[in-house]
């Protein structure tokens, strides 16, 4: 019997965090990356597990009087 997997809907969520909370999340992320462990986080009510072998990118954007840095982690899903 085949196992049906629920397909996850596309999402694009941004959330602001107080500085103290953001720093705490970054520290946990850095520790997990350094140790080669899965990083687990909840964003807007959804629990996410980031694979230890995720690709890490840093993106910089500039325009209209604003600059932005994005730390991106990408990993394949099992869907």
N, C-alpha and C. Protein backbone atom coordinates (compact mmCIF):
# COMPACT_ATOMS: atom_id res chain seq x y z
N UNK A 1 0.84 -1.16 0.00
CA UNK A 1 0.00 0.00 0.00
C UNK A 1 0.90 1.24 0.00
N UNK A 2 0.61 2.18 -0.89
CA UNK A 2 1.39 3.41 -1.01
C UNK A 2 1.00 4.39 0.11
N UNK A 3 1.99 5.08 0.61
CA UNK A 3 1.75 6.07 1.64
C UNK A 3 1.56 7.43 0.97
N UNK A 4 0.45 8.08 1.27
CA UNK A 4 0.19 9.41 0.70
C UNK A 4 0.84 10.46 1.58
N UNK A 5 1.55 11.36 0.94
CA UNK A 5 2.14 12.48 1.67
C UNK A 5 1.34 13.73 1.40
N UNK A 6 1.10 14.46 2.46
CA UNK A 6 0.37 15.72 2.31
C UNK A 6 1.30 16.76 1.72
N UNK A 7 0.92 17.34 0.63
CA UNK A 7 1.73 18.36 -0.02
C UNK A 7 1.57 19.68 0.74
N UNK A 8 2.69 20.29 1.06
CA UNK A 8 2.66 21.55 1.79
C UNK A 8 2.41 22.71 0.83
N UNK A 9 1.59 23.64 1.28
CA UNK A 9 1.27 24.81 0.47
C UNK A 9 2.48 25.74 0.41
N UNK A 10 2.59 26.48 -0.67
CA UNK A 10 3.65 27.49 -0.79
C UNK A 10 3.42 28.55 0.27
N UNK A 11 4.52 29.15 0.71
CA UNK A 11 4.45 30.17 1.75
C UNK A 11 5.51 31.22 1.52
N UNK A 12 5.24 32.42 1.90
CA UNK A 12 6.24 33.49 1.89
C UNK A 12 5.89 34.39 3.08
N UNK A 13 6.53 34.13 4.21
CA UNK A 13 6.19 34.79 5.46
C UNK A 13 7.38 35.61 5.94
N UNK A 14 7.11 36.82 6.38
CA UNK A 14 8.13 37.64 7.03
C UNK A 14 7.60 38.02 8.39
N UNK A 15 8.49 38.01 9.38
CA UNK A 15 8.05 38.35 10.74
C UNK A 15 9.13 39.16 11.41
N UNK A 16 8.73 40.21 12.09
CA UNK A 16 9.66 41.03 12.87
C UNK A 16 9.81 40.42 14.27
N UNK A 17 11.04 40.46 14.78
CA UNK A 17 11.32 39.96 16.12
C UNK A 17 12.03 41.03 16.94
N UNK A 18 11.79 41.06 18.24
CA UNK A 18 12.59 41.95 19.09
C UNK A 18 14.06 41.50 19.02
N UNK A 19 14.96 42.45 19.17
CA UNK A 19 16.39 42.17 19.02
C UNK A 19 16.84 40.98 19.89
N UNK A 20 16.41 40.94 21.14
CA UNK A 20 16.84 39.87 22.05
C UNK A 20 16.42 38.49 21.54
N UNK A 21 15.20 38.38 21.04
CA UNK A 21 14.70 37.11 20.51
C UNK A 21 15.46 36.72 19.25
N UNK A 22 15.72 37.69 18.39
CA UNK A 22 16.45 37.44 17.14
C UNK A 22 17.85 36.93 17.44
N UNK A 23 18.54 37.56 18.38
CA UNK A 23 19.89 37.15 18.76
C UNK A 23 19.88 35.72 19.29
N UNK A 24 18.89 35.39 20.11
CA UNK A 24 18.78 34.04 20.65
C UNK A 24 18.62 33.01 19.54
N UNK A 25 17.77 33.31 18.56
CA UNK A 25 17.55 32.39 17.44
C UNK A 25 18.82 32.24 16.61
N UNK A 26 19.52 33.34 16.37
CA UNK A 26 20.77 33.26 15.62
C UNK A 26 21.81 32.41 16.34
N UNK A 27 21.89 32.54 17.66
CA UNK A 27 22.85 31.73 18.43
C UNK A 27 22.53 30.25 18.34
N UNK A 28 21.24 29.93 18.47
CA UNK A 28 20.83 28.52 18.36
C UNK A 28 21.13 27.98 16.96
N UNK A 29 20.86 28.80 15.94
CA UNK A 29 21.14 28.40 14.56
C UNK A 29 22.64 28.17 14.37
N UNK A 30 23.46 29.12 14.82
CA UNK A 30 24.91 28.99 14.68
C UNK A 30 25.42 27.73 15.38
N UNK A 31 24.92 27.46 16.57
CA UNK A 31 25.34 26.26 17.31
C UNK A 31 24.97 24.99 16.54
N UNK A 32 23.75 24.95 15.98
CA UNK A 32 23.31 23.77 15.22
C UNK A 32 24.15 23.59 13.96
N UNK A 33 24.43 24.67 13.24
CA UNK A 33 25.24 24.59 12.03
C UNK A 33 26.64 24.07 12.38
N UNK A 34 27.23 24.65 13.41
CA UNK A 34 28.58 24.27 13.82
C UNK A 34 28.67 22.81 14.23
N UNK A 35 27.62 22.30 14.89
CA UNK A 35 27.61 20.92 15.37
C UNK A 35 27.09 19.93 14.32
N UNK A 36 26.62 20.44 13.17
CA UNK A 36 26.09 19.55 12.13
C UNK A 36 24.75 18.93 12.51
N UNK A 37 23.96 19.67 13.31
CA UNK A 37 22.66 19.18 13.76
C UNK A 37 21.52 19.85 13.01
N UNK A 38 20.39 19.18 12.97
CA UNK A 38 19.16 19.76 12.44
C UNK A 38 18.77 20.94 13.33
N UNK A 39 18.34 22.04 12.72
CA UNK A 39 17.87 23.20 13.46
C UNK A 39 16.36 23.25 13.35
N UNK A 40 15.69 23.35 14.48
CA UNK A 40 14.23 23.40 14.50
C UNK A 40 13.78 24.77 14.98
N UNK A 41 12.80 25.31 14.25
CA UNK A 41 12.28 26.64 14.57
C UNK A 41 10.80 26.67 14.20
N UNK A 42 10.05 27.52 14.88
CA UNK A 42 8.65 27.71 14.53
C UNK A 42 8.50 29.13 13.99
N UNK A 43 7.89 29.24 12.80
CA UNK A 43 7.69 30.54 12.15
C UNK A 43 6.21 30.65 11.80
N UNK A 44 5.57 31.68 12.33
CA UNK A 44 4.15 31.94 12.06
C UNK A 44 3.31 30.68 12.24
N UNK A 45 3.56 29.95 13.34
CA UNK A 45 2.74 28.79 13.68
C UNK A 45 3.13 27.49 13.02
N UNK A 46 4.12 27.48 12.16
CA UNK A 46 4.53 26.24 11.50
C UNK A 46 5.92 25.85 11.98
N UNK A 47 6.05 24.58 12.37
CA UNK A 47 7.35 24.06 12.81
C UNK A 47 8.16 23.64 11.59
N UNK A 48 9.42 24.04 11.58
CA UNK A 48 10.29 23.79 10.44
C UNK A 48 11.58 23.16 10.94
N UNK A 49 12.05 22.13 10.25
CA UNK A 49 13.33 21.49 10.56
C UNK A 49 14.28 21.77 9.40
N UNK A 50 15.37 22.44 9.70
CA UNK A 50 16.37 22.78 8.68
C UNK A 50 17.45 21.71 8.70
N UNK A 51 17.66 21.07 7.56
CA UNK A 51 18.62 19.98 7.45
C UNK A 51 20.04 20.47 7.76
N UNK A 52 20.84 19.61 8.39
CA UNK A 52 22.20 20.01 8.74
C UNK A 52 23.09 20.29 7.53
N UNK A 53 22.71 19.76 6.37
CA UNK A 53 23.51 19.99 5.16
C UNK A 53 22.90 21.07 4.25
N UNK A 54 22.07 21.94 4.83
CA UNK A 54 21.44 23.02 4.06
C UNK A 54 22.52 23.92 3.46
N UNK A 55 22.24 24.45 2.27
CA UNK A 55 23.11 25.43 1.63
C UNK A 55 22.86 26.77 2.28
N UNK A 56 23.95 27.47 2.61
CA UNK A 56 23.83 28.76 3.29
C UNK A 56 24.26 29.87 2.34
N UNK A 57 23.41 30.87 2.19
CA UNK A 57 23.70 32.00 1.31
C UNK A 57 23.45 33.30 2.07
N UNK A 58 24.21 34.31 1.71
CA UNK A 58 23.96 35.65 2.23
C UNK A 58 23.68 36.54 1.03
N UNK A 59 22.57 37.24 1.09
CA UNK A 59 22.12 38.07 -0.02
C UNK A 59 22.08 39.53 0.43
N UNK A 60 22.52 40.43 -0.45
CA UNK A 60 22.47 41.86 -0.15
C UNK A 60 21.69 42.55 -1.25
N UNK A 61 20.75 43.38 -0.87
CA UNK A 61 19.96 44.14 -1.83
C UNK A 61 20.01 45.62 -1.44
N UNK A 62 19.99 46.47 -2.45
CA UNK A 62 19.99 47.92 -2.22
C UNK A 62 19.05 48.56 -3.23
N UNK A 63 18.26 49.52 -2.75
CA UNK A 63 17.37 50.24 -3.65
C UNK A 63 16.42 51.14 -2.91
N UNK A 64 16.05 52.24 -3.55
CA UNK A 64 15.06 53.18 -3.00
C UNK A 64 15.37 53.59 -1.55
N UNK A 65 16.64 53.88 -1.26
CA UNK A 65 17.02 54.37 0.06
C UNK A 65 17.00 53.33 1.16
N UNK A 66 16.97 52.04 0.80
CA UNK A 66 16.93 50.95 1.78
C UNK A 66 17.95 49.89 1.39
N UNK A 67 18.60 49.31 2.40
CA UNK A 67 19.48 48.17 2.17
C UNK A 67 18.97 46.99 2.97
N UNK A 68 19.23 45.80 2.47
CA UNK A 68 18.71 44.59 3.11
C UNK A 68 19.76 43.48 3.02
N UNK A 69 19.91 42.75 4.12
CA UNK A 69 20.74 41.55 4.15
C UNK A 69 19.81 40.39 4.49
N UNK A 70 19.91 39.32 3.73
CA UNK A 70 19.14 38.11 4.01
C UNK A 70 20.10 36.96 4.19
N UNK A 71 19.92 36.22 5.29
CA UNK A 71 20.64 34.98 5.50
C UNK A 71 19.69 33.87 5.07
N UNK A 72 20.08 33.13 4.04
CA UNK A 72 19.18 32.12 3.49
C UNK A 72 19.75 30.72 3.71
N UNK A 73 18.89 29.80 4.07
CA UNK A 73 19.25 28.40 4.17
C UNK A 73 18.31 27.64 3.26
N UNK A 74 18.87 26.79 2.41
CA UNK A 74 18.04 26.02 1.46
C UNK A 74 18.40 24.54 1.57
N UNK A 75 17.37 23.71 1.53
CA UNK A 75 17.57 22.27 1.58
C UNK A 75 16.42 21.61 0.85
N UNK A 76 16.66 20.44 0.28
CA UNK A 76 15.58 19.75 -0.44
C UNK A 76 14.56 19.19 0.53
N UNK A 77 13.32 19.17 0.09
CA UNK A 77 12.25 18.59 0.90
C UNK A 77 11.99 17.17 0.39
N UNK A 78 11.31 16.41 1.17
CA UNK A 78 11.04 15.01 0.79
C UNK A 78 9.64 14.85 0.19
N UNK A 79 9.15 15.89 -0.43
CA UNK A 79 7.79 15.84 -1.04
C UNK A 79 7.86 15.27 -2.41
